[in-house]
Amino acid sequence: MKKPKWVIEKEQGRRASAAATVWLFGLHAVRDALRNPARTKLRLLVTKNAYDKLAEDIAASGIEPEMADPRKFSAPLDPQSVHQGAALEVKPLDWGDLEQVCMAADGQVPRVVLLDRVTDPHNVGAILRSAEVFGARAVIAPHRHSAPETGALAKTASGALERQPYLRIKNLADAMETLKSMGYLMLGLDGEAEQSVAQAVEGRRDRAIALVLGAEWPGLRQKTRETCDQLVKIDAAGEFGSLNVSNAAAVALYASRE
C-alpha cells in the first residue's frame, strides 16, 4: 500500500532534521560548544592562533582538530562571518519537550520567553543571552518563521546557546495553551497596552510567567494576542517608545522579576 503524501513528507522531514548540521564560528561560540557534553561535535577547523587559545578545551573535548591556513579558511561559512580562525561543525541541540523544560523546579518561580515571527538570528542570540542572565527557563519559537540555530545566532549569543534552552515548536498558540495549563500567566508585549509589565505582575510575581514578544514591525499576530492572558507594555519616558525586540525582552524579564 502506497504511503500518503503527508506521511512521506513527515518522514523526509525527520530524516533531514537528523542529518542537519550547524557550523559554529568565533572563539566564544566554539569554546562553549567544545565544553558542552550535550553537543555532538563532528569537525573542528582552527588556525594556529585559534588552536593556541582553545588548546585546553580541544584536548578535553576529544575532537581531532584540522589545522587551517588563515588565508584559506575552508569552513563553509558566509564570507562576512568573523570566524576568528575557529569553526566547529555540530548537530543541533535537543533540549527535550516543552513541559519538561518549563516545569517549575527547586522552588524557583519560572519565567519563559516566547517569540512570534522573530527571524533575525542576531536578535534571537541577544535574547538568549538575556534569558540566561535573568534565569529564564527557556526561549520558545515556532519552527516556521523563526531564527534557526545557526553560527550567526550562536556567535551573538556568546555561549548562551549551549546553556539556555531554545525550543522550536510546531505551533506557538498550542505551546501557549500548554503553558497556561501548567499555570503560566501569559503576558504579550504590545506598545498600545494599558498596563506596564511591572503593573501587570504586581502581586503575582510568585506565578510562572511567560513573556510573548513579536517581530518589531508587525508585532504579535492576532491569534497570539488572543491567546495571551493580558497585553502589557514597557513604559517609555518620551513619545518615542519603541525598543529593539532583544532589548524589550531584557527589560521585560527584569521587570517581571523585580
Protein backbone atom coordinates (compact mmCIF):
# COMPACT_ATOMS: atom_id res chain seq x y z
CA MET A 1 0.00 0.00 0.00
CA LYS A 2 1.36 3.37 -1.01
CA LYS A 3 2.05 5.77 1.84
CA PRO A 4 0.04 9.02 1.92
CA LYS A 5 1.90 12.11 0.79
CA TRP A 6 1.79 13.67 4.26
CA VAL A 7 3.40 10.57 5.80
CA ILE A 8 6.19 10.65 3.21
CA GLU A 9 6.80 14.36 3.79
CA LYS A 10 6.89 13.85 7.56
CA GLU A 11 9.43 11.03 7.24
CA GLN A 12 11.53 13.12 4.87
CA GLY A 13 11.45 16.00 7.35
CA ARG A 14 12.63 13.74 10.16
CA ARG A 15 15.50 12.39 8.07
CA ALA A 16 16.53 15.89 7.02
CA SER A 17 16.43 17.05 10.64
CA ALA A 18 18.54 14.09 11.76
CA ALA A 19 21.08 14.80 9.03
CA ALA A 20 21.24 18.55 9.66
CA THR A 21 24.43 20.08 10.97
CA VAL A 22 25.40 23.59 12.03
CA TRP A 23 28.74 25.35 11.65
CA LEU A 24 29.53 27.42 14.73
CA PHE A 25 32.25 30.02 14.47
CA GLY A 26 34.15 32.51 16.63
CA LEU A 27 36.25 31.75 19.69
CA HIS A 28 33.47 32.17 22.29
CA ALA A 29 30.87 30.09 20.45
CA VAL A 30 33.34 27.32 19.59
CA ARG A 31 34.85 27.23 23.09
CA ASP A 32 31.46 26.90 24.77
CA ALA A 33 30.36 24.20 22.33
CA LEU A 34 33.58 22.26 22.98
CA ARG A 35 32.83 22.43 26.70
CA ASN A 36 29.24 21.25 26.28
CA PRO A 37 28.99 17.45 26.73
CA ALA A 38 25.49 17.52 25.20
CA ARG A 39 26.88 18.73 21.88
CA THR A 40 27.62 16.22 19.14
CA LYS A 41 30.83 17.57 17.63
CA LEU A 42 31.72 16.48 14.11
CA ARG A 43 34.55 18.56 12.68
CA LEU A 44 36.81 21.33 14.00
CA LEU A 45 38.82 23.71 11.82
CA VAL A 46 41.28 26.05 13.55
CA THR A 47 44.18 28.25 12.64
CA LYS A 48 47.37 28.00 14.67
CA ASN A 49 46.49 31.17 16.58
CA ALA A 50 42.98 29.92 17.41
CA TYR A 51 44.32 26.50 18.37
CA ASP A 52 46.69 28.09 20.90
CA LYS A 53 43.73 29.88 22.52
CA LEU A 54 41.48 26.79 22.53
CA ALA A 55 44.06 24.06 23.14
CA GLU A 56 42.85 23.08 26.60
CA ASP A 57 39.21 22.85 25.54
CA ILE A 58 40.09 20.97 22.35
CA ALA A 59 42.06 18.41 24.34
CA ALA A 60 39.24 17.97 26.86
CA SER A 61 36.62 17.54 24.12
CA GLY A 62 38.50 14.69 22.46
CA ILE A 63 37.94 16.02 18.94
CA GLU A 64 40.84 15.94 16.49
CA PRO A 65 41.30 19.43 15.05
CA GLU A 66 42.10 20.19 11.42
CA MET A 67 44.69 22.93 11.10
CA ALA A 68 43.74 25.62 8.61
CA ASP A 69 45.61 28.35 6.78
CA PRO A 70 44.15 31.72 7.92
CA ARG A 71 44.36 32.94 4.30
CA LYS A 72 42.39 29.93 3.01
CA PHE A 73 39.94 29.12 5.78
CA SER A 74 37.88 26.34 4.20
CA ALA A 75 34.89 26.08 6.54
CA PRO A 76 31.60 26.64 4.63
CA LEU A 77 30.80 29.99 6.22
CA ASP A 78 29.40 33.24 4.89
CA PRO A 79 32.33 35.36 3.66
CA GLN A 80 31.27 38.10 6.09
CA SER A 81 31.50 35.79 9.12
CA VAL A 82 34.04 36.90 11.72
CA HIS A 83 35.27 33.39 12.49
CA GLN A 84 38.46 34.34 14.40
CA GLY A 85 40.13 31.24 12.99
CA ALA A 86 37.77 28.70 14.58
CA ALA A 87 34.79 26.80 13.14
CA LEU A 88 33.07 23.75 14.57
CA GLU A 89 30.52 21.54 12.80
CA VAL A 90 27.92 20.22 15.26
CA LYS A 91 24.48 18.66 15.48
CA PRO A 92 21.68 20.96 16.73
CA LEU A 93 20.94 20.61 20.43
CA ASP A 94 17.93 18.64 21.65
CA TRP A 95 16.57 20.20 24.85
CA GLY A 96 13.63 17.84 25.31
CA ASP A 97 9.91 18.58 25.35
CA LEU A 98 8.17 21.78 26.36
CA GLU A 99 6.55 20.50 29.56
CA GLN A 100 9.76 19.00 30.89
CA VAL A 101 11.87 22.10 30.26
CA CYS A 102 9.30 24.61 31.54
CA MET A 103 8.15 22.79 34.64
CA ALA A 104 8.79 24.57 37.96
CA ALA A 105 11.60 23.01 39.97
CA ASP A 106 13.78 23.63 43.03
CA GLY A 107 11.29 26.12 44.44
CA GLN A 108 12.04 28.61 41.67
CA VAL A 109 9.29 30.64 40.02
CA PRO A 110 9.87 30.10 36.31
CA ARG A 111 9.98 32.64 33.51
CA VAL A 112 9.95 31.83 29.80
CA VAL A 113 10.13 33.91 26.63
CA LEU A 114 8.05 33.13 23.53
CA LEU A 115 8.88 34.68 20.16
CA ASP A 116 6.31 35.27 17.44
CA ARG A 117 7.95 35.57 14.00
CA VAL A 118 11.29 36.88 15.30
CA THR A 119 13.52 35.78 12.43
CA ASP A 120 16.74 37.78 12.89
CA PRO A 121 19.40 35.44 14.35
CA HIS A 122 21.19 38.37 15.97
CA ASN A 123 18.04 39.36 17.87
CA VAL A 124 17.41 35.77 18.98
CA GLY A 125 21.04 35.37 20.02
CA ALA A 126 20.83 38.50 22.13
CA ILE A 127 17.53 37.31 23.66
CA LEU A 128 19.18 34.01 24.63
CA ARG A 129 21.90 35.96 26.45
CA SER A 130 19.32 37.99 28.36
CA ALA A 131 17.27 34.88 29.12
CA GLU A 132 20.32 33.23 30.63
CA VAL A 133 21.23 36.31 32.69
CA PHE A 134 17.71 36.64 34.13
CA GLY A 135 17.23 32.92 34.72
CA ALA A 136 14.53 32.18 32.14
CA ARG A 137 13.62 28.53 31.82
CA ALA A 138 13.51 28.64 28.00
CA VAL A 139 13.20 30.72 24.85
CA ILE A 140 10.49 29.26 22.63
CA ALA A 141 9.75 29.88 18.96
CA PRO A 142 7.86 28.11 16.15
CA HIS A 143 9.77 26.05 13.58
CA ARG A 144 8.43 28.24 10.79
CA HIS A 145 9.09 31.98 10.67
CA SER A 146 11.75 31.95 13.39
CA ALA A 147 15.53 32.02 13.50
CA PRO A 148 17.03 28.52 13.34
CA GLU A 149 20.14 27.51 15.24
CA THR A 150 22.97 28.97 13.14
CA GLY A 151 26.55 30.13 13.54
CA ALA A 152 25.46 33.77 13.48
CA LEU A 153 22.90 33.16 16.23
CA ALA A 154 25.43 31.25 18.34
CA LYS A 155 28.07 33.97 17.96
CA THR A 156 25.65 36.69 19.05
CA ALA A 157 24.53 34.52 21.97
CA SER A 158 28.20 34.36 23.04
CA GLY A 159 27.92 30.90 24.56
CA ALA A 160 24.34 31.17 25.86
CA LEU A 161 23.09 28.82 23.13
CA GLU A 162 24.94 25.97 24.86
CA ARG A 163 23.27 26.61 28.22
CA GLN A 164 19.95 28.34 27.57
CA PRO A 165 17.22 26.08 26.17
CA TYR A 166 16.00 27.26 22.76
CA LEU A 167 12.89 25.25 21.91
CA ARG A 168 11.44 25.37 18.43
CA ILE A 169 7.92 24.00 18.45
CA LYS A 170 5.29 23.26 15.80
CA ASN A 171 2.59 25.72 16.83
CA LEU A 172 3.04 28.78 19.02
CA ALA A 173 -0.59 29.10 20.13
CA ASP A 174 -0.67 25.42 21.14
CA ALA A 175 2.52 25.88 23.16
CA MET A 176 0.98 28.92 24.85
CA GLU A 177 -2.12 26.92 25.79
CA THR A 178 0.08 24.13 27.18
CA LEU A 179 1.98 26.62 29.34
CA LYS A 180 -1.27 28.17 30.55
CA SER A 181 -2.48 24.71 31.60
CA MET A 182 0.76 24.44 33.60
CA GLY A 183 -0.12 27.62 35.50
CA TYR A 184 1.79 30.18 33.45
CA LEU A 185 0.46 33.73 33.22
CA MET A 186 0.72 34.66 29.53
CA LEU A 187 1.74 38.32 29.00
CA GLY A 188 2.00 39.65 25.45
CA LEU A 189 4.06 42.79 24.83
CA ASP A 190 2.19 45.49 22.95
CA GLY A 191 3.08 49.17 22.86
CA GLU A 192 -0.61 50.15 22.97
CA ALA A 193 -1.42 48.14 26.10
CA GLU A 194 -2.80 49.96 29.15
CA GLN A 195 -0.65 48.36 31.85
CA SER A 196 3.12 48.03 32.06
CA VAL A 197 4.86 44.72 32.73
CA ALA A 198 5.60 45.79 36.30
CA GLN A 199 1.98 46.77 36.95
CA ALA A 200 0.66 43.51 35.48
CA VAL A 201 2.86 41.30 37.65
CA GLU A 202 2.35 43.27 40.88
CA GLY A 203 1.08 40.80 43.45
CA ARG A 204 1.62 37.93 41.01
CA ARG A 205 5.40 37.61 40.96
CA ASP A 206 5.11 34.21 42.61
CA ARG A 207 3.41 32.87 39.48
CA ALA A 208 5.10 31.29 36.50
CA ILE A 209 5.16 33.99 33.81
CA ALA A 210 5.56 33.71 30.04
CA LEU A 211 6.51 36.84 28.10
CA VAL A 212 5.42 36.84 24.46
CA LEU A 213 7.21 39.14 22.02
CA GLY A 214 6.57 39.71 18.32
CA ALA A 215 8.68 40.97 15.47
CA GLU A 216 9.42 44.68 15.77
CA TRP A 217 7.26 45.99 12.94
CA PRO A 218 4.16 43.74 12.75
CA GLY A 219 4.17 42.81 16.45
CA LEU A 220 2.09 39.91 17.72
CA ARG A 221 -0.22 38.08 15.34
CA GLN A 222 -3.95 38.21 16.10
CA LYS A 223 -4.10 34.57 17.20
CA THR A 224 -1.12 35.13 19.50
CA ARG A 225 -2.73 38.22 21.02
CA GLU A 226 -5.98 36.37 21.63
CA THR A 227 -4.15 33.52 23.39
CA CYS A 228 -2.43 35.87 25.84
CA ASP A 229 -4.00 36.40 29.26
CA GLN A 230 -3.12 40.09 29.11
CA LEU A 231 -1.31 42.59 26.90
CA VAL A 232 1.38 44.71 28.57
CA LYS A 233 3.82 47.42 27.61
CA ILE A 234 7.20 48.77 28.60
CA ASP A 235 6.86 52.30 29.94
CA ALA A 236 8.75 54.91 27.92
CA ALA A 237 9.91 58.32 29.14
CA GLY A 238 9.13 60.10 25.88
CA GLU A 239 6.91 59.78 22.84
CA PHE A 240 9.36 57.51 21.04
CA GLY A 241 8.59 54.29 22.88
CA SER A 242 9.87 51.55 20.60
CA LEU A 243 12.64 49.15 21.64
CA ASN A 244 14.53 46.56 19.64
CA VAL A 245 12.92 43.18 20.41
CA SER A 246 16.04 41.87 22.14
CA ASN A 247 16.20 44.96 24.38
CA ALA A 248 12.48 44.65 25.08
CA ALA A 249 12.96 41.03 26.14
CA ALA A 250 15.71 42.01 28.59
CA VAL A 251 13.65 44.85 30.11
CA ALA A 252 10.52 42.69 30.37
CA LEU A 253 12.41 39.83 32.04
CA TYR A 254 13.88 42.23 34.56
CA ALA A 255 10.53 43.89 35.23
CA SER A 256 8.81 40.53 35.72
CA ARG A 257 11.21 39.59 38.49
CA GLU A 258 11.86 42.84 40.39
